[in-house]
Amino acid sequence: MLSFRKPDRGSGRISPQEAVARAADGSLVVIDVREPAEVAASGKAVGALHIPLAFVKMRCDPKAPDCPECLTRDGPVALYCAAGGRSQMAVQMLRDLGYDEVYNIGGLGDWIAAGGQVER
């Protein structure tokens, strides 16, 4: 069994390796915040939700009728984009919505380099 140190909530970063492992065991929700054309061109992390950055505040609000059931304010969430900038903005948006444990993986390339699988 893999053992990881506790991610630093202050920085909002999680290692891609830990994100891959936790997503695989179901203990982490992963969100891709890239645009639809980017996802169509390269795919997304297996099992990741696709919520473009422009829709994060609306779709991830637990009070919203179309908020995915797997998202809860007290459940861990990790986000990624192409390079990490947009996902860091999304981290702040989720924190503003009251999410407690939110992390930035970085980019899809970080996910892949850590052994994460991609689906089309």
Protein backbone atom coordinates (compact mmCIF):
# COMPACT_ATOMS: atom_id res chain seq x y z
CA MET A 1 0.00 0.00 0.00
CA LEU A 2 1.29 3.45 -0.86
CA SER A 3 1.83 5.92 1.92
CA PHE A 4 1.87 9.65 1.33
CA ARG A 5 2.54 12.61 3.52
CA LYS A 6 -0.43 14.84 4.19
CA PRO A 7 -0.77 17.39 1.37
CA ASP A 8 -0.17 21.01 2.27
CA ARG A 9 -3.58 22.68 2.35
CA GLY A 10 -1.91 26.07 2.63
CA SER A 11 -0.32 25.82 -0.79
CA GLY A 12 -3.22 24.00 -2.35
CA ARG A 13 -0.81 21.56 -4.04
CA ILE A 14 -0.98 17.79 -4.13
CA SER A 15 1.61 15.64 -5.83
CA PRO A 16 0.36 14.17 -9.09
CA GLN A 17 1.37 10.73 -7.79
CA GLU A 18 -0.83 11.10 -4.74
CA ALA A 19 -3.69 12.46 -6.84
CA VAL A 20 -3.50 9.45 -9.18
CA ALA A 21 -3.42 7.00 -6.25
CA ARG A 22 -6.26 8.66 -4.35
CA ALA A 23 -8.42 9.00 -7.46
CA ALA A 24 -7.87 5.29 -8.17
CA ASP A 25 -8.99 4.26 -4.69
CA GLY A 26 -12.00 6.60 -4.79
CA SER A 27 -10.84 8.92 -2.00
CA LEU A 28 -10.44 11.99 -4.23
CA VAL A 29 -12.70 13.68 -6.78
CA VAL A 30 -10.76 15.02 -9.77
CA ILE A 31 -12.01 17.90 -11.91
CA ASP A 32 -10.67 18.96 -15.32
CA VAL A 33 -11.26 22.71 -15.73
CA ARG A 34 -10.04 22.99 -19.34
CA GLU A 35 -12.19 24.09 -22.26
CA PRO A 36 -14.20 21.46 -24.19
CA ALA A 37 -11.94 21.73 -27.26
CA GLU A 38 -8.90 20.93 -25.09
CA VAL A 39 -10.57 17.84 -23.66
CA ALA A 40 -11.68 16.75 -27.14
CA ALA A 41 -8.10 17.10 -28.41
CA SER A 42 -6.29 15.28 -25.60
CA GLY A 43 -8.83 13.44 -23.46
CA LYS A 44 -9.17 13.78 -19.69
CA ALA A 45 -8.06 11.92 -16.60
CA VAL A 46 -9.98 8.67 -16.20
CA GLY A 47 -13.00 9.30 -13.98
CA ALA A 48 -12.49 13.06 -13.82
CA LEU A 49 -15.42 15.42 -13.97
CA HIS A 50 -15.19 17.98 -16.77
CA ILE A 51 -16.27 21.40 -15.55
CA PRO A 52 -14.73 24.28 -17.53
CA LEU A 53 -13.34 27.07 -15.38
CA ALA A 54 -16.10 29.49 -16.45
CA PHE A 55 -18.70 27.14 -14.93
CA VAL A 56 -16.95 26.11 -11.71
CA LYS A 57 -18.75 28.62 -9.45
CA MET A 58 -22.16 27.64 -10.82
CA ARG A 59 -21.77 23.86 -11.17
CA CYS A 60 -19.76 23.23 -7.98
CA ASP A 61 -22.03 25.18 -5.66
CA PRO A 62 -23.57 22.44 -3.48
CA LYS A 63 -26.84 24.41 -3.55
CA ALA A 64 -26.98 24.25 -7.36
CA PRO A 65 -29.41 21.68 -8.77
CA ASP A 66 -26.81 20.38 -11.25
CA CYS A 67 -23.92 20.09 -8.77
CA PRO A 68 -22.48 16.57 -9.15
CA GLU A 69 -23.49 14.40 -6.20
CA CYS A 70 -19.88 13.32 -5.63
CA LEU A 71 -18.91 16.90 -4.69
CA THR A 72 -19.30 17.81 -1.03
CA ARG A 73 -17.75 20.64 0.92
CA ASP A 74 -16.03 18.23 3.28
CA GLY A 75 -14.78 15.80 0.61
CA PRO A 76 -11.33 16.10 -1.01
CA VAL A 77 -11.20 17.58 -4.52
CA ALA A 78 -8.23 18.05 -6.87
CA LEU A 79 -8.25 20.07 -10.06
CA TYR A 80 -6.07 20.31 -13.13
CA CYS A 81 -5.94 22.22 -16.41
CA ALA A 82 -3.24 22.43 -19.09
CA ALA A 83 -0.43 23.87 -16.96
CA GLY A 84 -1.83 24.68 -13.49
CA GLY A 85 -2.88 28.33 -13.71
CA ARG A 86 -6.58 27.89 -14.31
CA SER A 87 -6.79 25.03 -11.84
CA GLN A 88 -5.28 27.29 -9.17
CA MET A 89 -8.03 29.84 -9.87
CA ALA A 90 -10.59 27.04 -9.54
CA VAL A 91 -9.03 25.99 -6.20
CA GLN A 92 -9.75 29.47 -4.88
CA MET A 93 -13.30 29.41 -6.26
CA LEU A 94 -14.04 26.15 -4.45
CA ARG A 95 -12.55 27.49 -1.24
CA ASP A 96 -14.79 30.55 -1.60
CA LEU A 97 -17.74 28.15 -1.91
CA GLY A 98 -16.76 26.56 1.42
CA TYR A 99 -14.87 23.47 0.25
CA ASP A 100 -12.36 22.43 2.89
CA GLU A 101 -9.88 20.13 1.15
CA VAL A 102 -9.07 21.41 -2.35
CA TYR A 103 -5.84 20.84 -4.27
CA ASN A 104 -4.18 21.81 -7.53
CA ILE A 105 -2.61 18.88 -9.41
CA GLY A 106 -1.14 21.16 -12.07
CA GLY A 107 -1.59 20.15 -15.70
CA LEU A 108 -2.80 17.08 -17.53
CA GLY A 109 0.83 16.35 -18.40
CA ASP A 110 1.61 16.10 -14.66
CA TRP A 111 -1.21 13.58 -14.28
CA ILE A 112 0.10 11.49 -17.19
CA ALA A 113 3.73 11.67 -15.98
CA ALA A 114 2.57 10.29 -12.61
CA GLY A 115 1.05 7.26 -14.31
CA GLY A 116 -2.51 8.55 -14.53
CA GLN A 117 -4.62 7.16 -17.32
CA VAL A 118 -6.51 9.27 -19.86
CA GLU A 119 -9.90 8.61 -21.44
CA ARG A 120 -11.30 10.11 -24.63
